[in-house]
C-alpha atoms as a PDB file:
ATOM      1  CA  MET A   1      87.200  96.423 103.280  1.00  0.00           C
ATOM      2  CA  ARG A   2      84.223  93.961 102.981  1.00  0.00           C
ATOM      3  CA  ALA A   3      81.144  94.946 105.071  1.00  0.00           C
ATOM      4  CA  THR A   4      80.831  91.669 106.777  1.00  0.00           C
ATOM      5  CA  GLU A   5      80.297  90.382 110.315  1.00  0.00           C
ATOM      6  CA  GLU A   6      83.825  89.388 110.219  1.00  0.00           C
ATOM      7  CA  SER A   7      85.076  92.928 109.434  1.00  0.00           C
ATOM      8  CA  ARG A   8      82.890  94.993 111.511  1.00  0.00           C
ATOM      9  CA  GLU A   9      84.798  97.136 113.929  1.00  0.00           C
ATOM     10  CA  PRO A  10      83.661  96.894 117.691  1.00  0.00           C
ATOM     11  CA  GLU A  11      81.262  99.621 118.777  1.00  0.00           C
ATOM     12  CA  LYS A  12      83.436 102.427 119.854  1.00  0.00           C
ATOM     13  CA  ARG A  13      82.201 103.916 123.126  1.00  0.00           C
ATOM     14  CA  PRO A  14      83.824 107.015 124.804  1.00  0.00           C
ATOM     15  CA  PHE A  15      85.867 105.838 127.638  1.00  0.00           C
ATOM     16  CA  THR A  16      83.928 108.346 129.933  1.00  0.00           C
ATOM     17  CA  SER A  17      80.755 106.493 129.487  1.00  0.00           C
ATOM     18  CA  ASN A  18      82.060 102.881 129.318  1.00  0.00           C
ATOM     19  CA  ARG A  19      81.514 102.112 133.006  1.00  0.00           C
ATOM     20  CA  LEU A  20      82.068  98.543 132.790  1.00  0.00           C
ATOM     21  CA  LEU A  21      85.689  99.102 131.152  1.00  0.00           C
ATOM     22  CA  GLN A  22      86.232 101.538 134.188  1.00  0.00           C
ATOM     23  CA  ALA A  23      85.154  99.145 136.596  1.00  0.00           C
ATOM     24  CA  MET A  24      87.667  96.618 135.294  1.00  0.00           C
ATOM     25  CA  ILE A  25      90.568  99.048 135.529  1.00  0.00           C
ATOM     26  CA  LEU A  26      89.477  99.957 139.148  1.00  0.00           C
ATOM     27  CA  VAL A  27      89.612  96.042 139.934  1.00  0.00           C
ATOM     28  CA  TYR A  28      92.935  95.553 138.159  1.00  0.00           C
ATOM     29  CA  ALA A  29      94.406  98.498 139.842  1.00  0.00           C
ATOM     30  CA  GLY A  30      93.457  97.208 143.252  1.00  0.00           C
ATOM     31  CA  ILE A  31      94.765  93.759 142.450  1.00  0.00           C
ATOM     32  CA  TRP A  32      98.203  95.196 141.245  1.00  0.00           C
ATOM     33  CA  ILE A  33      98.525  97.275 143.991  1.00  0.00           C
ATOM     34  CA  TRP A  34      97.850  94.444 146.482  1.00  0.00           C
ATOM     35  CA  MET A  35     100.420  92.294 144.610  1.00  0.00           C
ATOM     36  CA  ALA A  36     103.229  95.162 144.645  1.00  0.00           C
ATOM     37  CA  VAL A  37     103.428  94.735 148.335  1.00  0.00           C
ATOM     38  CA  SER A  38     106.430  92.496 149.328  1.00  0.00           C
ATOM     39  CA  PRO A  39     106.988  90.634 146.363  1.00  0.00           C
ATOM     40  CA  TYR A  40     109.246  87.347 146.248  1.00  0.00           C
ATOM     41  CA  SER A  41     112.105  89.481 144.447  1.00  0.00           C
ATOM     42  CA  ARG A  42     111.427  93.077 143.861  1.00  0.00           C
ATOM     43  CA  PHE A  43     113.807  93.352 140.958  1.00  0.00           C
ATOM     44  CA  ASP A  44     112.462  90.326 139.082  1.00  0.00           C
ATOM     45  CA  TRP A  45     108.811  91.869 139.860  1.00  0.00           C
ATOM     46  CA  VAL A  46     109.993  94.909 137.943  1.00  0.00           C
ATOM     47  CA  LEU A  47     111.262  92.852 135.110  1.00  0.00           C
ATOM     48  CA  GLU A  48     108.153  90.836 134.933  1.00  0.00           C
ATOM     49  CA  ASN A  49     105.946  93.960 135.107  1.00  0.00           C
ATOM     50  CA  LEU A  50     107.489  95.458 132.200  1.00  0.00           C
ATOM     51  CA  LEU A  51     105.236  93.346 130.188  1.00  0.00           C
ATOM     52  CA  ILE A  52     102.121  94.766 131.741  1.00  0.00           C
ATOM     53  CA  TRP A  53     103.222  98.235 131.754  1.00  0.00           C
ATOM     54  CA  ALA A  54     103.924  98.090 127.884  1.00  0.00           C
ATOM     55  CA  ALA A  55     100.633  96.423 127.338  1.00  0.00           C
ATOM     56  CA  LEU A  56      98.746  99.153 129.307  1.00  0.00           C
ATOM     57  CA  ILE A  57     100.650 102.051 127.524  1.00  0.00           C
ATOM     58  CA  GLY A  58      99.900 100.505 124.325  1.00  0.00           C
ATOM     59  CA  LEU A  59      96.100  99.939 125.116  1.00  0.00           C
ATOM     60  CA  VAL A  60      95.621 103.396 126.332  1.00  0.00           C
ATOM     61  CA  SER A  61      97.608 105.220 123.732  1.00  0.00           C
ATOM     62  CA  THR A  62      95.408 103.471 120.645  1.00  0.00           C
ATOM     63  CA  TYR A  63      92.237 103.714 122.417  1.00  0.00           C
ATOM     64  CA  ARG A  64      91.294 106.600 120.345  1.00  0.00           C
ATOM     65  CA  LEU A  65      92.301 104.602 117.083  1.00  0.00           C
ATOM     66  CA  PHE A  66      91.131 101.454 117.866  1.00  0.00           C
ATOM     67  CA  SER A  67      89.123 100.051 120.859  1.00  0.00           C
ATOM     68  CA  PHE A  68      88.423  96.411 121.504  1.00  0.00           C
ATOM     69  CA  SER A  69      85.117  94.963 122.846  1.00  0.00           C
ATOM     70  CA  ASN A  70      84.510  94.957 126.697  1.00  0.00           C
ATOM     71  CA  LEU A  71      84.463  91.057 126.317  1.00  0.00           C
ATOM     72  CA  SER A  72      88.049  91.312 124.752  1.00  0.00           C
ATOM     73  CA  TYR A  73      89.121  93.944 127.412  1.00  0.00           C
ATOM     74  CA  ALA A  74      87.747  91.331 130.197  1.00  0.00           C
ATOM     75  CA  PHE A  75      89.951  88.482 128.525  1.00  0.00           C
ATOM     76  CA  ILE A  76      92.952  91.073 128.643  1.00  0.00           C
ATOM     77  CA  GLY A  77      92.391  91.909 132.093  1.00  0.00           C
ATOM     78  CA  ILE A  78      92.135  88.371 133.194  1.00  0.00           C
ATOM     79  CA  PHE A  79      95.329  87.418 131.871  1.00  0.00           C
ATOM     80  CA  LEU A  80      97.026  90.521 133.275  1.00  0.00           C
ATOM     81  CA  VAL A  81      95.642  89.622 136.552  1.00  0.00           C
ATOM     82  CA  LEU A  82      97.165  85.986 136.196  1.00  0.00           C
ATOM     83  CA  HIS A  83     100.571  87.457 135.192  1.00  0.00           C
ATOM     84  CA  THR A  84     100.602  89.964 137.960  1.00  0.00           C
ATOM     85  CA  VAL A  85     100.029  87.011 140.413  1.00  0.00           C
ATOM     86  CA  GLY A  86     102.823  85.216 138.924  1.00  0.00           C
ATOM     87  CA  ALA A  87     104.992  88.474 138.984  1.00  0.00           C
ATOM     88  CA  HIS A  88     104.522  88.896 142.746  1.00  0.00           C
ATOM     89  CA  TYR A  89     105.691  85.483 143.406  1.00  0.00           C
ATOM     90  CA  SER A  90     108.478  85.426 140.762  1.00  0.00           C
ATOM     91  CA  TYR A  91     106.818  82.574 139.341  1.00  0.00           C
ATOM     92  CA  ASN A  92     107.707  80.327 142.225  1.00  0.00           C
ATOM     93  CA  GLU A  93     105.620  78.287 144.130  1.00  0.00           C
ATOM     94  CA  ASN A  94     102.113  79.800 145.274  1.00  0.00           C
ATOM     95  CA  VAL A  95      98.786  78.214 146.425  1.00  0.00           C
ATOM     96  CA  VAL A  96      97.932  77.342 142.913  1.00  0.00           C
ATOM     97  CA  ASP A  97     101.102  75.394 142.406  1.00  0.00           C
ATOM     98  CA  VAL A  98     100.703  73.534 145.475  1.00  0.00           C
ATOM     99  CA  TRP A  99      96.865  72.468 144.096  1.00  0.00           C
ATOM    100  CA  MET A 100      98.380  71.410 140.611  1.00  0.00           C
ATOM    101  CA  LYS A 101     101.147  69.311 142.252  1.00  0.00           C
ATOM    102  CA  LEU A 102      98.204  67.673 144.114  1.00  0.00           C
ATOM    103  CA  LEU A 103      96.286  67.473 141.138  1.00  0.00           C
ATOM    104  CA  PHE A 104      98.911  66.354 138.567  1.00  0.00           C
ATOM    105  CA  HIS A 105     101.288  64.394 141.052  1.00  0.00           C
ATOM    106  CA  THR A 106     104.352  66.441 139.752  1.00  0.00           C
ATOM    107  CA  GLU A 107     107.179  68.185 141.623  1.00  0.00           C
ATOM    108  CA  ARG A 108     107.376  71.110 139.193  1.00  0.00           C
ATOM    109  CA  ASP A 109     105.828  74.678 139.946  1.00  0.00           C
ATOM    110  CA  SER A 110     103.295  74.870 137.022  1.00  0.00           C
ATOM    111  CA  TYR A 111     101.873  78.154 137.569  1.00  0.00           C
ATOM    112  CA  ASP A 112     103.877  79.666 134.766  1.00  0.00           C
ATOM    113  CA  ARG A 113     102.732  77.061 132.202  1.00  0.00           C
ATOM    114  CA  LEU A 114      99.061  77.761 133.282  1.00  0.00           C
ATOM    115  CA  VAL A 115      99.802  81.473 132.577  1.00  0.00           C
ATOM    116  CA  HIS A 116     101.351  80.700 129.115  1.00  0.00           C
ATOM    117  CA  PHE A 117      98.299  78.403 128.336  1.00  0.00           C
ATOM    118  CA  SER A 118      96.042  81.450 129.269  1.00  0.00           C
ATOM    119  CA  PHE A 119      98.004  83.558 127.054  1.00  0.00           C
ATOM    120  CA  GLY A 120      96.630  81.667 124.072  1.00  0.00           C
ATOM    121  CA  LEU A 121      93.099  80.979 125.681  1.00  0.00           C
ATOM    122  CA  LEU A 122      92.341  84.535 126.747  1.00  0.00           C
ATOM    123  CA  LEU A 123      94.255  86.605 123.963  1.00  0.00           C
ATOM    124  CA  ALA A 124      93.212  84.644 120.993  1.00  0.00           C
ATOM    125  CA  TYR A 125      89.804  86.216 120.878  1.00  0.00           C
ATOM    126  CA  PRO A 126      91.087  89.990 121.126  1.00  0.00           C
ATOM    127  CA  ILE A 127      93.645  89.233 118.506  1.00  0.00           C
ATOM    128  CA  ARG A 128      90.871  87.788 116.132  1.00  0.00           C
ATOM    129  CA  GLU A 129      88.855  90.765 116.824  1.00  0.00           C
ATOM    130  CA  ALA A 130      91.526  92.988 115.578  1.00  0.00           C
ATOM    131  CA  MET A 131      92.671  90.936 112.800  1.00  0.00           C
ATOM    132  CA  SER A 132      88.946  90.816 111.599  1.00  0.00           C
ATOM    133  CA  VAL A 133      89.246  94.664 111.261  1.00  0.00           C
ATOM    134  CA  TRP A 134      92.683  95.147 109.975  1.00  0.00           C
ATOM    135  CA  THR A 135      92.579  92.513 107.442  1.00  0.00           C
ATOM    136  CA  ASN A 136      90.497  91.000 104.574  1.00  0.00           C
ATOM    137  CA  LEU A 137      90.939  87.356 105.841  1.00  0.00           C
ATOM    138  CA  SER A 138      88.067  85.022 105.367  1.00  0.00           C
ATOM    139  CA  ARG A 139      86.433  83.660 108.592  1.00  0.00           C
ATOM    140  CA  ARG A 140      88.280  80.305 108.494  1.00  0.00           C
ATOM    141  CA  TRP A 141      91.574  82.014 107.912  1.00  0.00           C
ATOM    142  CA  LEU A 142      91.132  84.199 110.925  1.00  0.00           C
ATOM    143  CA  TYR A 143      91.139  81.062 113.133  1.00  0.00           C
ATOM    144  CA  VAL A 144      94.273  79.964 111.575  1.00  0.00           C
ATOM    145  CA  ILE A 145      96.315  83.195 111.457  1.00  0.00           C
ATOM    146  CA  THR A 146      95.253  84.050 115.179  1.00  0.00           C
ATOM    147  CA  CYS A 147      96.731  80.854 116.383  1.00  0.00           C
ATOM    148  CA  VAL A 148      99.813  81.451 114.366  1.00  0.00           C
ATOM    149  CA  ILE A 149     100.057  85.052 115.838  1.00  0.00           C
ATOM    150  CA  VAL A 150      99.766  83.606 119.397  1.00  0.00           C
ATOM    151  CA  LEU A 151     102.547  81.080 118.567  1.00  0.00           C
ATOM    152  CA  ALA A 152     104.560  84.014 117.078  1.00  0.00           C
ATOM    153  CA  LEU A 153     104.092  86.403 119.968  1.00  0.00           C
ATOM    154  CA  GLY A 154     104.942  83.276 122.347  1.00  0.00           C
ATOM    155  CA  ALA A 155     108.318  82.724 120.823  1.00  0.00           C
ATOM    156  CA  PHE A 156     108.854  86.497 120.803  1.00  0.00           C
ATOM    157  CA  TYR A 157     108.367  86.656 124.540  1.00  0.00           C
ATOM    158  CA  GLU A 158     110.819  83.942 124.988  1.00  0.00           C
ATOM    159  CA  LEU A 159     113.419  85.879 123.049  1.00  0.00           C
ATOM    160  CA  ILE A 160     112.570  89.075 125.223  1.00  0.00           C
ATOM    161  CA  GLU A 161     113.247  86.905 128.585  1.00  0.00           C
ATOM    162  CA  MET A 162     116.601  85.665 127.227  1.00  0.00           C
ATOM    163  CA  TRP A 163     117.606  89.192 126.145  1.00  0.00           C
ATOM    164  CA  VAL A 164     116.568  90.619 129.274  1.00  0.00           C
ATOM    165  CA  ALA A 165     118.388  87.939 131.150  1.00  0.00           C
ATOM    166  CA  LEU A 166     121.387  88.405 129.345  1.00  0.00           C
ATOM    167  CA  LEU A 167     121.657  91.946 129.143  1.00  0.00           C
ATOM    168  CA  VAL A 168     119.947  93.345 132.099  1.00  0.00           C
ATOM    169  CA  ALA A 169     119.931  90.922 134.921  1.00  0.00           C
ATOM    170  CA  PRO A 170     122.171  87.920 134.355  1.00  0.00           C
ATOM    171  CA  GLU A 171     122.470  87.403 138.025  1.00  0.00           C
ATOM    172  CA  ILE A 172     118.934  86.417 138.322  1.00  0.00           C
ATOM    173  CA  GLY A 173     118.497  84.738 134.865  1.00  0.00           C
ATOM    174  CA  THR A 174     117.536  81.613 135.956  1.00  0.00           C
ATOM    175  CA  LEU A 175     115.004  82.991 138.339  1.00  0.00           C
ATOM    176  CA  PHE A 176     113.712  85.164 135.627  1.00  0.00           C
ATOM    177  CA  LEU A 177     113.467  82.495 133.011  1.00  0.00           C
ATOM    178  CA  GLY A 178     112.062  80.160 135.490  1.00  0.00           C
ATOM    179  CA  THR A 179     113.222  77.125 133.387  1.00  0.00           C
ATOM    180  CA  GLN A 180     113.414  74.864 136.619  1.00  0.00           C
ATOM    181  CA  GLY A 181     115.913  72.822 135.286  1.00  0.00           C
ATOM    182  CA  ASP A 182     113.922  71.725 132.263  1.00  0.00           C
ATOM    183  CA  PRO A 183     115.995  72.178 128.811  1.00  0.00           C
ATOM    184  CA  TRP A 184     112.586  72.109 126.781  1.00  0.00           C
ATOM    185  CA  ASP A 185     110.811  74.565 129.108  1.00  0.00           C
ATOM    186  CA  THR A 186     110.901  77.226 126.232  1.00  0.00           C
ATOM    187  CA  HIS A 187     109.345  74.891 124.141  1.00  0.00           C
ATOM    188  CA  HIS A 188     106.752  73.825 126.447  1.00  0.00           C
ATOM    189  CA  ASP A 189     105.723  77.453 127.042  1.00  0.00           C
ATOM    190  CA  MET A 190     105.105  78.058 123.518  1.00  0.00           C
ATOM    191  CA  GLU A 191     103.348  74.848 123.016  1.00  0.00           C
ATOM    192  CA  MET A 192     100.932  75.717 125.847  1.00  0.00           C
ATOM    193  CA  ALA A 193      99.955  79.118 124.242  1.00  0.00           C
ATOM    194  CA  LEU A 194      99.340  77.453 121.124  1.00  0.00           C
ATOM    195  CA  TYR A 195      97.205  74.792 122.607  1.00  0.00           C
ATOM    196  CA  GLY A 196      95.277  77.511 124.353  1.00  0.00           C
ATOM    197  CA  SER A 197      94.499  79.535 121.349  1.00  0.00           C
ATOM    198  CA  ILE A 198      93.424  76.547 119.279  1.00  0.00           C
ATOM    199  CA  ILE A 199      90.948  75.684 122.137  1.00  0.00           C
ATOM    200  CA  ALA A 200      89.914  79.319 122.055  1.00  0.00           C
ATOM    201  CA  MET A 201      89.127  79.299 118.512  1.00  0.00           C
ATOM    202  CA  GLY A 202      87.657  75.803 118.541  1.00  0.00           C
ATOM    203  CA  LEU A 203      85.254  76.832 121.282  1.00  0.00           C
ATOM    204  CA  MET A 204      84.463  80.211 118.979  1.00  0.00           C
ATOM    205  CA  ALA A 205      83.819  78.225 115.898  1.00  0.00           C
ATOM    206  CA  LEU A 206      81.391  75.850 117.809  1.00  0.00           C
ATOM    207  CA  TRP A 207      79.709  78.818 119.475  1.00  0.00           C
ATOM    208  CA  ARG A 208      79.156  80.533 116.120  1.00  0.00           C
ATOM    209  CA  LYS A 209      78.030  77.400 114.308  1.00  0.00           C
ATOM    210  CA  THR A 210      75.692  76.789 117.281  1.00  0.00           C
ATOM    211  CA  THR A 211      74.140  80.246 117.046  1.00  0.00           C
ATOM    212  CA  ILE A 212      73.844  80.168 113.390  1.00  0.00           C
ATOM    213  CA  GLN A 213      71.940  76.842 113.548  1.00  0.00           C
ATOM    214  CA  SER A 214      69.709  78.164 116.682  1.00  0.00           C
ATOM    215  CA  LYS A 215      68.762  81.062 114.560  1.00  0.00           C
ATOM    216  CA  LYS A 216      67.779  78.821 111.527  1.00  0.00           C
ATOM    217  CA  ASN A 217      65.663  76.715 113.617  1.00  0.00           C
ATOM    218  CA  LYS A 218      63.700  79.661 114.603  1.00  0.00           C
ATOM    219  CA  MET A 219      62.911  80.766 111.043  1.00  0.00           C
END
């Protein structure tokens, strides 16, 4: 593996000395407990939380093998908070939906679209960080492949939703899928995740270019 900026693994810090990560976990645990009280539908809440539990188990079990930077953990944490809030309401109308209806003059509860967009926007950086360590891709290809992976994960999540709705909870399939009568809902969800990742990678490329130019000007 080439020894460049793109392939450097984030500096490993023992969990016991990573105070920032510990603080993020405590904050999220508090929010999760708060959102676990009297959800809109307890059964749907359990199904929605399967994603959270799987993600946390994966992150904890692989921490010794590969640990993200604290910035990546912060992005992951923000996304989990957004999904946790959505799970509490079963992605039905909440205060954010009310605000978005007034802003965009729509009747649709759009919080789920916001979470899908945030999936791409917030998780693109951690995915790129991991890919920079695990692959020999060039910087430009890392941007492209990250967006492709986000789109693939978004599509896979839609398949998981379908399988769960059909096999585990057909009686609440419409509630769990949250299509709200939109035949293109699944496509729009994947679309929003892709747009989020493109914006994230664009901002990262711009930040990197600006940083390099700034360093050159100081020389």
